[in-house]
Amino acid sequence: MTEEKEDRHDRTRLFFGERRFMDLAESRVLVVGAGAVGSEVICRLARVGVGELVLVDPDRVEASNLNRGSFFDRHALETAEYKVDCVARGVAQIAPESEVEIHAAPIEEAPERVWSVDGIVLAVDDNRARQYVNTRLLGEENLNIPVINAAIGRTFCEVQLLIPGKTACLLCLWGERYHDSLMKERVREACNPFFERARESFPALGVVGSMAADLAATEAIKWLSGSSSREREGKWPEGFEPAIGESIRFDLGTYVCRRGPILRNPRCVEIFCRSSRD
């Protein structure tokens, strides 16, 4: 076998070229959430050659994870293994050259070093985690970090690529009523130590989560492989530009895809988003 055929990234190098492929290999990405979407995002980023992956999720494997994630198995369920441990073990098998840093904790409790990254993928069903990440990214030192927000519904998936402080932030589409209800829930939990927060389950197909992961990983790869080229040449690689400040929504029931800009909300509920324009 030739040296090229022994290289697992041979086809990827052909697609990107050596310089852009090395940009991927030298990238560090934070993925928040290791469930149906997050675990598959990690899988795709590892396979394409992203060098460092940081994974944050506090949950253990549940029965419903077995048919919605490639890395979860019966043994992990029976031993109540953390999702992040399962994913890290799986990545070691499919992409041993990728380093995986894991934290079995909520993103609010993750160490400071997790924020030293080139990009963030949000793959959670917890809007409080989204709000925390959004606030961190609105900090002056983090203005250039893109966040790819992935969400799923019954038959649709949606991905947004935002740079809070420059584009719309993650809260620009929130209404005041929803924001107030979220704050009241936090107060209730803080005041009552016996209150157990219960999140309602919703109907879900693994293919919808996989599609969301595909879209989120693609936008991450576009950014990671092209940002250095943009700095050197003043433009993104033609035909592979990331959808900055936009939302991409695909419905698997109708095969309808919609893409459009997310406008900055002058009355955003996040005060740091409003102040970033002053």
C-alpha atoms as a PDB file:
ATOM      1  CA  MET A   1       0.000   0.000   0.000  1.00  0.00           C
ATOM      2  CA  THR A   2       1.205   3.506  -0.759  1.00  0.00           C
ATOM      3  CA  GLU A   3       1.664   6.048   2.005  1.00  0.00           C
ATOM      4  CA  GLU A   4      -1.358   7.979   0.681  1.00  0.00           C
ATOM      5  CA  LYS A   5      -3.636   4.936   0.923  1.00  0.00           C
ATOM      6  CA  GLU A   6      -2.553   4.328   4.524  1.00  0.00           C
ATOM      7  CA  ASP A   7      -3.583   7.856   5.496  1.00  0.00           C
ATOM      8  CA  ARG A   8      -7.100   7.755   6.927  1.00  0.00           C
ATOM      9  CA  HIS A   9      -7.478  11.453   6.053  1.00  0.00           C
ATOM     10  CA  ASP A  10      -6.413  11.056   2.425  1.00  0.00           C
ATOM     11  CA  ARG A  11      -9.824  12.073   0.995  1.00  0.00           C
ATOM     12  CA  THR A  12     -10.164  14.936   3.477  1.00  0.00           C
ATOM     13  CA  ARG A  13      -6.746  16.324   2.512  1.00  0.00           C
ATOM     14  CA  LEU A  14      -7.785  16.179  -1.128  1.00  0.00           C
ATOM     15  CA  PHE A  15     -10.915  18.164  -0.320  1.00  0.00           C
ATOM     16  CA  PHE A  16      -9.293  20.922   1.752  1.00  0.00           C
ATOM     17  CA  GLY A  17      -5.675  20.959   0.645  1.00  0.00           C
ATOM     18  CA  GLU A  18      -2.816  20.505   3.083  1.00  0.00           C
ATOM     19  CA  ARG A  19      -2.865  23.998   4.583  1.00  0.00           C
ATOM     20  CA  ARG A  20      -6.576  24.080   5.402  1.00  0.00           C
ATOM     21  CA  PHE A  21      -6.463  20.489   6.622  1.00  0.00           C
ATOM     22  CA  MET A  22      -3.714  21.471   9.073  1.00  0.00           C
ATOM     23  CA  ASP A  23      -5.920  24.332  10.258  1.00  0.00           C
ATOM     24  CA  LEU A  24      -8.478  21.682  11.201  1.00  0.00           C
ATOM     25  CA  ALA A  25      -5.862  19.512  12.876  1.00  0.00           C
ATOM     26  CA  GLU A  26      -4.694  22.451  14.989  1.00  0.00           C
ATOM     27  CA  SER A  27      -8.223  23.511  16.017  1.00  0.00           C
ATOM     28  CA  ARG A  28      -9.824  23.164  19.432  1.00  0.00           C
ATOM     29  CA  VAL A  29     -13.620  22.938  19.728  1.00  0.00           C
ATOM     30  CA  LEU A  30     -15.939  22.939  22.730  1.00  0.00           C
ATOM     31  CA  VAL A  31     -19.109  20.838  22.428  1.00  0.00           C
ATOM     32  CA  VAL A  32     -21.705  21.435  25.140  1.00  0.00           C
ATOM     33  CA  GLY A  33     -23.984  18.416  25.402  1.00  0.00           C
ATOM     34  CA  ALA A  34     -23.199  14.759  24.711  1.00  0.00           C
ATOM     35  CA  GLY A  35     -26.630  13.432  23.865  1.00  0.00           C
ATOM     36  CA  ALA A  36     -28.238  12.580  20.538  1.00  0.00           C
ATOM     37  CA  VAL A  37     -26.841  15.674  18.816  1.00  0.00           C
ATOM     38  CA  GLY A  38     -23.644  16.414  20.731  1.00  0.00           C
ATOM     39  CA  SER A  39     -22.228  12.894  20.600  1.00  0.00           C
ATOM     40  CA  GLU A  40     -22.749  12.771  16.834  1.00  0.00           C
ATOM     41  CA  VAL A  41     -21.168  16.214  16.371  1.00  0.00           C
ATOM     42  CA  ILE A  42     -18.087  14.961  18.215  1.00  0.00           C
ATOM     43  CA  CYS A  43     -18.018  11.880  15.985  1.00  0.00           C
ATOM     44  CA  ARG A  44     -18.060  13.940  12.796  1.00  0.00           C
ATOM     45  CA  LEU A  45     -15.479  16.474  13.978  1.00  0.00           C
ATOM     46  CA  ALA A  46     -13.137  13.701  15.097  1.00  0.00           C
ATOM     47  CA  ARG A  47     -13.477  11.832  11.808  1.00  0.00           C
ATOM     48  CA  VAL A  48     -12.660  14.945   9.772  1.00  0.00           C
ATOM     49  CA  GLY A  49      -9.474  15.494  11.773  1.00  0.00           C
ATOM     50  CA  VAL A  50     -10.173  18.233  14.330  1.00  0.00           C
ATOM     51  CA  GLY A  51      -7.213  18.025  16.713  1.00  0.00           C
ATOM     52  CA  GLU A  52      -8.718  18.857  20.122  1.00  0.00           C
ATOM     53  CA  LEU A  53     -12.275  18.303  21.310  1.00  0.00           C
ATOM     54  CA  VAL A  54     -13.649  19.473  24.652  1.00  0.00           C
ATOM     55  CA  LEU A  55     -16.876  17.788  25.743  1.00  0.00           C
ATOM     56  CA  VAL A  56     -19.042  18.970  28.647  1.00  0.00           C
ATOM     57  CA  ASP A  57     -22.146  17.135  29.870  1.00  0.00           C
ATOM     58  CA  PRO A  58     -23.251  16.127  33.412  1.00  0.00           C
ATOM     59  CA  ASP A  59     -25.592  13.269  32.486  1.00  0.00           C
ATOM     60  CA  ARG A  60     -25.253   9.512  32.567  1.00  0.00           C
ATOM     61  CA  VAL A  61     -26.393   7.144  29.811  1.00  0.00           C
ATOM     62  CA  GLU A  62     -30.123   6.371  29.812  1.00  0.00           C
ATOM     63  CA  ALA A  63     -32.087   3.756  27.894  1.00  0.00           C
ATOM     64  CA  SER A  64     -33.401   6.351  25.417  1.00  0.00           C
ATOM     65  CA  ASN A  65     -29.820   7.189  24.411  1.00  0.00           C
ATOM     66  CA  LEU A  66     -29.141   3.730  22.986  1.00  0.00           C
ATOM     67  CA  ASN A  67     -31.006   4.327  19.706  1.00  0.00           C
ATOM     68  CA  ARG A  68     -29.935   7.961  19.346  1.00  0.00           C
ATOM     69  CA  GLY A  69     -26.151   7.882  19.661  1.00  0.00           C
ATOM     70  CA  SER A  70     -23.418   5.833  18.011  1.00  0.00           C
ATOM     71  CA  PHE A  71     -21.222   5.633  21.111  1.00  0.00           C
ATOM     72  CA  PHE A  72     -23.804   4.430  23.648  1.00  0.00           C
ATOM     73  CA  ASP A  73     -24.296   0.718  24.395  1.00  0.00           C
ATOM     74  CA  ARG A  74     -25.959  -1.641  26.864  1.00  0.00           C
ATOM     75  CA  HIS A  75     -22.875  -1.901  29.063  1.00  0.00           C
ATOM     76  CA  ALA A  76     -22.779   1.891  29.495  1.00  0.00           C
ATOM     77  CA  LEU A  77     -26.440   1.838  30.482  1.00  0.00           C
ATOM     78  CA  GLU A  78     -26.033  -0.983  32.997  1.00  0.00           C
ATOM     79  CA  THR A  79     -23.024   0.668  34.643  1.00  0.00           C
ATOM     80  CA  ALA A  80     -24.602   4.135  34.612  1.00  0.00           C
ATOM     81  CA  GLU A  81     -21.593   5.506  32.762  1.00  0.00           C
ATOM     82  CA  TYR A  82     -21.260   9.197  32.057  1.00  0.00           C
ATOM     83  CA  LYS A  83     -22.029  10.123  28.462  1.00  0.00           C
ATOM     84  CA  VAL A  84     -18.751  11.981  28.116  1.00  0.00           C
ATOM     85  CA  ASP A  85     -16.804   8.824  29.067  1.00  0.00           C
ATOM     86  CA  CYS A  86     -18.627   6.807  26.396  1.00  0.00           C
ATOM     87  CA  VAL A  87     -17.931   9.406  23.733  1.00  0.00           C
ATOM     88  CA  ALA A  88     -14.253   9.734  24.653  1.00  0.00           C
ATOM     89  CA  ARG A  89     -13.808   5.974  24.457  1.00  0.00           C
ATOM     90  CA  GLY A  90     -15.536   5.883  21.078  1.00  0.00           C
ATOM     91  CA  VAL A  91     -13.407   8.676  19.637  1.00  0.00           C
ATOM     92  CA  ALA A  92     -10.257   6.853  20.735  1.00  0.00           C
ATOM     93  CA  GLN A  93     -11.329   3.976  18.501  1.00  0.00           C
ATOM     94  CA  ILE A  94     -12.296   5.904  15.370  1.00  0.00           C
ATOM     95  CA  ALA A  95      -9.863   8.846  15.519  1.00  0.00           C
ATOM     96  CA  PRO A  96      -7.004   8.190  17.954  1.00  0.00           C
ATOM     97  CA  GLU A  97      -5.130  11.275  16.740  1.00  0.00           C
ATOM     98  CA  SER A  98      -7.866  13.565  18.142  1.00  0.00           C
ATOM     99  CA  GLU A  99      -7.474  14.554  21.780  1.00  0.00           C
ATOM    100  CA  VAL A 100     -10.665  14.567  23.842  1.00  0.00           C
ATOM    101  CA  GLU A 101     -10.978  16.531  27.088  1.00  0.00           C
ATOM    102  CA  ILE A 102     -14.104  15.612  29.048  1.00  0.00           C
ATOM    103  CA  HIS A 103     -15.962  17.182  31.947  1.00  0.00           C
ATOM    104  CA  ALA A 104     -18.922  15.368  33.535  1.00  0.00           C
ATOM    105  CA  ALA A 105     -20.451  18.587  34.823  1.00  0.00           C
ATOM    106  CA  PRO A 106     -22.848  21.355  33.774  1.00  0.00           C
ATOM    107  CA  ILE A 107     -21.217  23.983  31.594  1.00  0.00           C
ATOM    108  CA  GLU A 108     -21.662  26.485  34.444  1.00  0.00           C
ATOM    109  CA  GLU A 109     -19.268  24.372  36.548  1.00  0.00           C
ATOM    110  CA  ALA A 110     -16.695  23.546  33.881  1.00  0.00           C
ATOM    111  CA  PRO A 111     -13.136  24.832  34.430  1.00  0.00           C
ATOM    112  CA  GLU A 112     -12.034  28.087  32.872  1.00  0.00           C
ATOM    113  CA  ARG A 113      -9.805  26.365  30.304  1.00  0.00           C
ATOM    114  CA  VAL A 114     -12.782  25.005  28.353  1.00  0.00           C
ATOM    115  CA  TRP A 115     -13.329  28.508  26.945  1.00  0.00           C
ATOM    116  CA  SER A 116      -9.925  28.612  25.244  1.00  0.00           C
ATOM    117  CA  VAL A 117     -11.264  27.291  21.945  1.00  0.00           C
ATOM    118  CA  ASP A 118     -11.683  28.228  18.284  1.00  0.00           C
ATOM    119  CA  GLY A 119     -15.403  27.481  18.225  1.00  0.00           C
ATOM    120  CA  ILE A 120     -18.326  26.194  20.293  1.00  0.00           C
ATOM    121  CA  VAL A 121     -21.164  23.849  19.394  1.00  0.00           C
ATOM    122  CA  LEU A 122     -24.244  24.012  21.620  1.00  0.00           C
ATOM    123  CA  ALA A 123     -26.125  20.711  21.561  1.00  0.00           C
ATOM    124  CA  VAL A 124     -28.344  20.953  24.629  1.00  0.00           C
ATOM    125  CA  ASP A 125     -32.066  21.097  25.367  1.00  0.00           C
ATOM    126  CA  ASP A 126     -31.476  23.405  28.329  1.00  0.00           C
ATOM    127  CA  ASN A 127     -31.955  27.100  27.577  1.00  0.00           C
ATOM    128  CA  ARG A 128     -30.326  28.061  30.845  1.00  0.00           C
ATOM    129  CA  ALA A 129     -27.097  26.540  29.547  1.00  0.00           C
ATOM    130  CA  ARG A 130     -27.566  28.531  26.332  1.00  0.00           C
ATOM    131  CA  GLN A 131     -27.983  31.710  28.331  1.00  0.00           C
ATOM    132  CA  TYR A 132     -24.824  31.031  30.336  1.00  0.00           C
ATOM    133  CA  VAL A 133     -22.768  30.366  27.197  1.00  0.00           C
ATOM    134  CA  ASN A 134     -24.230  33.469  25.580  1.00  0.00           C
ATOM    135  CA  THR A 135     -23.196  35.651  28.517  1.00  0.00           C
ATOM    136  CA  ARG A 136     -19.672  34.249  28.463  1.00  0.00           C
ATOM    137  CA  LEU A 137     -19.327  34.907  24.755  1.00  0.00           C
ATOM    138  CA  LEU A 138     -20.453  38.495  25.187  1.00  0.00           C
ATOM    139  CA  GLY A 139     -17.380  39.094  27.325  1.00  0.00           C
ATOM    140  CA  GLU A 140     -14.883  41.413  25.698  1.00  0.00           C
ATOM    141  CA  GLU A 141     -12.170  38.774  25.482  1.00  0.00           C
ATOM    142  CA  ASN A 142     -14.382  36.285  23.639  1.00  0.00           C
ATOM    143  CA  LEU A 143     -15.957  38.407  20.912  1.00  0.00           C
ATOM    144  CA  ASN A 144     -14.443  36.388  18.050  1.00  0.00           C
ATOM    145  CA  ILE A 145     -15.574  32.938  19.159  1.00  0.00           C
ATOM    146  CA  PRO A 146     -18.413  31.569  17.002  1.00  0.00           C
ATOM    147  CA  VAL A 147     -21.140  29.483  18.585  1.00  0.00           C
ATOM    148  CA  ILE A 148     -23.116  26.984  16.538  1.00  0.00           C
ATOM    149  CA  ASN A 149     -26.484  26.457  18.170  1.00  0.00           C
ATOM    150  CA  ALA A 150     -28.224  23.188  17.259  1.00  0.00           C
ATOM    151  CA  ALA A 151     -31.829  22.298  18.085  1.00  0.00           C
ATOM    152  CA  ILE A 152     -34.311  19.621  17.062  1.00  0.00           C
ATOM    153  CA  GLY A 153     -38.086  19.265  16.989  1.00  0.00           C
ATOM    154  CA  ARG A 154     -40.396  16.435  16.042  1.00  0.00           C
ATOM    155  CA  THR A 155     -39.397  16.358  12.359  1.00  0.00           C
ATOM    156  CA  PHE A 156     -37.139  19.387  11.962  1.00  0.00           C
ATOM    157  CA  CYS A 157     -33.640  20.414  12.915  1.00  0.00           C
ATOM    158  CA  GLU A 158     -32.242  23.932  13.084  1.00  0.00           C
ATOM    159  CA  VAL A 159     -28.703  25.276  13.274  1.00  0.00           C
ATOM    160  CA  GLN A 160     -27.563  28.863  13.832  1.00  0.00           C
ATOM    161  CA  LEU A 161     -24.021  30.228  13.546  1.00  0.00           C
ATOM    162  CA  LEU A 162     -23.696  33.304  15.721  1.00  0.00           C
ATOM    163  CA  ILE A 163     -20.926  35.500  17.121  1.00  0.00           C
ATOM    164  CA  PRO A 164     -22.580  37.178  20.121  1.00  0.00           C
ATOM    165  CA  GLY A 165     -21.592  40.832  20.174  1.00  0.00           C
ATOM    166  CA  LYS A 166     -21.161  41.001  16.398  1.00  0.00           C
ATOM    167  CA  THR A 167     -24.200  39.144  15.081  1.00  0.00           C
ATOM    168  CA  ALA A 168     -27.446  38.514  16.904  1.00  0.00           C
ATOM    169  CA  CYS A 169     -26.872  36.716  20.184  1.00  0.00           C
ATOM    170  CA  LEU A 170     -28.482  33.470  21.318  1.00  0.00           C
ATOM    171  CA  LEU A 171     -31.168  35.388  23.202  1.00  0.00           C
ATOM    172  CA  CYS A 172     -32.156  37.871  20.487  1.00  0.00           C
ATOM    173  CA  LEU A 173     -35.145  35.698  19.556  1.00  0.00           C
ATOM    174  CA  TRP A 174     -36.332  35.282  23.146  1.00  0.00           C
ATOM    175  CA  GLY A 175     -39.365  37.192  24.343  1.00  0.00           C
ATOM    176  CA  GLU A 176     -39.470  39.001  27.684  1.00  0.00           C
ATOM    177  CA  ARG A 177     -42.209  36.699  28.967  1.00  0.00           C
ATOM    178  CA  TYR A 178     -40.163  33.572  28.332  1.00  0.00           C
ATOM    179  CA  HIS A 179     -37.045  35.139  29.845  1.00  0.00           C
ATOM    180  CA  ASP A 180     -38.985  36.128  32.972  1.00  0.00           C
ATOM    181  CA  SER A 181     -40.387  32.612  33.383  1.00  0.00           C
ATOM    182  CA  LEU A 182     -36.878  31.179  33.140  1.00  0.00           C
ATOM    183  CA  MET A 183     -35.645  33.564  35.839  1.00  0.00           C
ATOM    184  CA  LYS A 184     -38.546  32.652  38.132  1.00  0.00           C
ATOM    185  CA  GLU A 185     -37.722  28.974  37.717  1.00  0.00           C
ATOM    186  CA  ARG A 186     -34.128  29.654  38.754  1.00  0.00           C
ATOM    187  CA  VAL A 187     -35.288  31.526  41.851  1.00  0.00           C
ATOM    188  CA  ARG A 188     -37.588  28.665  42.775  1.00  0.00           C
ATOM    189  CA  GLU A 189     -34.781  26.130  42.540  1.00  0.00           C
ATOM    190  CA  ALA A 190     -32.407  28.337  44.515  1.00  0.00           C
ATOM    191  CA  CYS A 191     -34.954  28.862  47.322  1.00  0.00           C
ATOM    192  CA  ASN A 192     -36.103  25.248  47.564  1.00  0.00           C
ATOM    193  CA  PRO A 193     -33.250  22.722  47.893  1.00  0.00           C
ATOM    194  CA  PHE A 194     -35.725  19.850  47.560  1.00  0.00           C
ATOM    195  CA  PHE A 195     -37.086  21.067  44.246  1.00  0.00           C
ATOM    196  CA  GLU A 196     -36.138  18.661  41.491  1.00  0.00           C
ATOM    197  CA  ARG A 197     -36.278  20.136  38.018  1.00  0.00           C
ATOM    198  CA  ALA A 198     -38.075  17.817  35.613  1.00  0.00           C
ATOM    199  CA  ARG A 199     -37.734  18.281  31.877  1.00  0.00           C
ATOM    200  CA  GLU A 200     -40.521  16.863  29.800  1.00  0.00           C
ATOM    201  CA  SER A 201     -39.522  14.367  27.150  1.00  0.00           C
ATOM    202  CA  PHE A 202     -40.659  14.992  23.596  1.00  0.00           C
ATOM    203  CA  PRO A 203     -41.026  12.676  20.594  1.00  0.00           C
ATOM    204  CA  ALA A 204     -37.703  12.243  18.817  1.00  0.00           C
ATOM    205  CA  LEU A 205     -36.164  10.232  15.994  1.00  0.00           C
ATOM    206  CA  GLY A 206     -32.474   9.482  15.857  1.00  0.00           C
ATOM    207  CA  VAL A 207     -32.278  10.584  12.222  1.00  0.00           C
ATOM    208  CA  VAL A 208     -33.437  14.093  13.174  1.00  0.00           C
ATOM    209  CA  GLY A 209     -30.654  14.375  15.741  1.00  0.00           C
ATOM    210  CA  SER A 210     -28.146  13.027  13.239  1.00  0.00           C
ATOM    211  CA  MET A 211     -29.201  15.613  10.666  1.00  0.00           C
ATOM    212  CA  ALA A 212     -28.808  18.391  13.233  1.00  0.00           C
ATOM    213  CA  ALA A 213     -25.352  17.034  14.048  1.00  0.00           C
ATOM    214  CA  ASP A 214     -24.451  16.953  10.349  1.00  0.00           C
ATOM    215  CA  LEU A 215     -25.479  20.579   9.856  1.00  0.00           C
ATOM    216  CA  ALA A 216     -23.771  21.780  13.052  1.00  0.00           C
ATOM    217  CA  ALA A 217     -20.554  19.894  12.300  1.00  0.00           C
ATOM    218  CA  THR A 218     -20.525  21.207   8.727  1.00  0.00           C
ATOM    219  CA  GLU A 219     -20.784  24.823   9.886  1.00  0.00           C
ATOM    220  CA  ALA A 220     -18.032  24.199  12.447  1.00  0.00           C
ATOM    221  CA  ILE A 221     -15.801  22.638   9.791  1.00  0.00           C
ATOM    222  CA  LYS A 222     -16.418  25.543   7.413  1.00  0.00           C
ATOM    223  CA  TRP A 223     -15.340  28.000  10.080  1.00  0.00           C
ATOM    224  CA  LEU A 224     -12.331  26.043  11.332  1.00  0.00           C
ATOM    225  CA  SER A 225     -10.971  25.221   7.886  1.00  0.00           C
ATOM    226  CA  GLY A 226     -11.588  28.664   6.413  1.00  0.00           C
ATOM    227  CA  SER A 227     -10.948  31.291   9.079  1.00  0.00           C
ATOM    228  CA  SER A 228      -7.179  31.299   8.542  1.00  0.00           C
ATOM    229  CA  SER A 229      -7.701  31.597   4.795  1.00  0.00           C
ATOM    230  CA  ARG A 230      -9.991  34.545   5.421  1.00  0.00           C
ATOM    231  CA  GLU A 231      -7.310  36.234   7.529  1.00  0.00           C
ATOM    232  CA  ARG A 232      -4.633  35.589   4.884  1.00  0.00           C
ATOM    233  CA  GLU A 233      -6.663  36.351   1.769  1.00  0.00           C
ATOM    234  CA  GLY A 234      -9.491  38.519   3.061  1.00  0.00           C
ATOM    235  CA  LYS A 235     -12.231  36.093   2.045  1.00  0.00           C
ATOM    236  CA  TRP A 236     -13.683  32.714   2.872  1.00  0.00           C
ATOM    237  CA  PRO A 237     -12.950  29.757   0.560  1.00  0.00           C
ATOM    238  CA  GLU A 238     -15.392  30.067  -2.323  1.00  0.00           C
ATOM    239  CA  GLY A 239     -18.302  27.668  -2.174  1.00  0.00           C
ATOM    240  CA  PHE A 240     -17.639  26.698   1.457  1.00  0.00           C
ATOM    241  CA  GLU A 241     -18.455  29.870   3.397  1.00  0.00           C
ATOM    242  CA  PRO A 242     -19.998  29.516   6.875  1.00  0.00           C
ATOM    243  CA  ALA A 243     -23.532  30.854   7.364  1.00  0.00           C
ATOM    244  CA  ILE A 244     -22.519  33.571   9.834  1.00  0.00           C
ATOM    245  CA  GLY A 245     -25.483  35.274  11.499  1.00  0.00           C
ATOM    246  CA  GLU A 246     -27.948  32.932   9.817  1.00  0.00           C
ATOM    247  CA  SER A 247     -30.331  30.133  10.661  1.00  0.00           C
ATOM    248  CA  ILE A 248     -30.644  26.913   8.644  1.00  0.00           C
ATOM    249  CA  ARG A 249     -33.795  24.878   9.225  1.00  0.00           C
ATOM    250  CA  PHE A 250     -34.506  21.554   7.548  1.00  0.00           C
ATOM    251  CA  ASP A 251     -37.732  19.569   7.873  1.00  0.00           C
ATOM    252  CA  LEU A 252     -37.345  15.837   7.287  1.00  0.00           C
ATOM    253  CA  GLY A 253     -41.101  15.436   6.949  1.00  0.00           C
ATOM    254  CA  THR A 254     -41.423  17.738   3.952  1.00  0.00           C
ATOM    255  CA  TYR A 255     -37.774  18.026   2.795  1.00  0.00           C
ATOM    256  CA  VAL A 256     -38.139  21.791   2.936  1.00  0.00           C
ATOM    257  CA  CYS A 257     -35.011  23.742   3.825  1.00  0.00           C
ATOM    258  CA  ARG A 258     -35.092  27.386   4.871  1.00  0.00           C
ATOM    259  CA  ARG A 259     -32.104  29.648   5.385  1.00  0.00           C
ATOM    260  CA  GLY A 260     -32.108  33.275   6.433  1.00  0.00           C
ATOM    261  CA  PRO A 261     -30.445  35.949   8.571  1.00  0.00           C
ATOM    262  CA  ILE A 262     -31.128  36.415  12.278  1.00  0.00           C
ATOM    263  CA  LEU A 263     -31.477  40.128  12.969  1.00  0.00           C
ATOM    264  CA  ARG A 264     -30.051  41.721  16.087  1.00  0.00           C
ATOM    265  CA  ASN A 265     -32.845  42.617  18.470  1.00  0.00           C
ATOM    266  CA  PRO A 266     -32.526  46.236  19.719  1.00  0.00           C
ATOM    267  CA  ARG A 267     -34.628  45.177  22.713  1.00  0.00           C
ATOM    268  CA  CYS A 268     -32.818  41.919  23.412  1.00  0.00           C
ATOM    269  CA  VAL A 269     -33.470  40.591  26.925  1.00  0.00           C
ATOM    270  CA  GLU A 270     -29.694  40.223  27.346  1.00  0.00           C
ATOM    271  CA  ILE A 271     -28.375  43.584  28.522  1.00  0.00           C
ATOM    272  CA  PHE A 272     -24.825  42.772  27.439  1.00  0.00           C
ATOM    273  CA  CYS A 273     -26.066  42.196  23.895  1.00  0.00           C
ATOM    274  CA  ARG A 274     -27.699  45.634  23.864  1.00  0.00           C
ATOM    275  CA  SER A 275     -24.669  47.315  25.391  1.00  0.00           C
ATOM    276  CA  SER A 276     -22.339  45.774  22.791  1.00  0.00           C
ATOM    277  CA  ARG A 277     -23.897  48.180  20.265  1.00  0.00           C
ATOM    278  CA  ASP A 278     -23.413  51.339  22.299  1.00  0.00           C
END
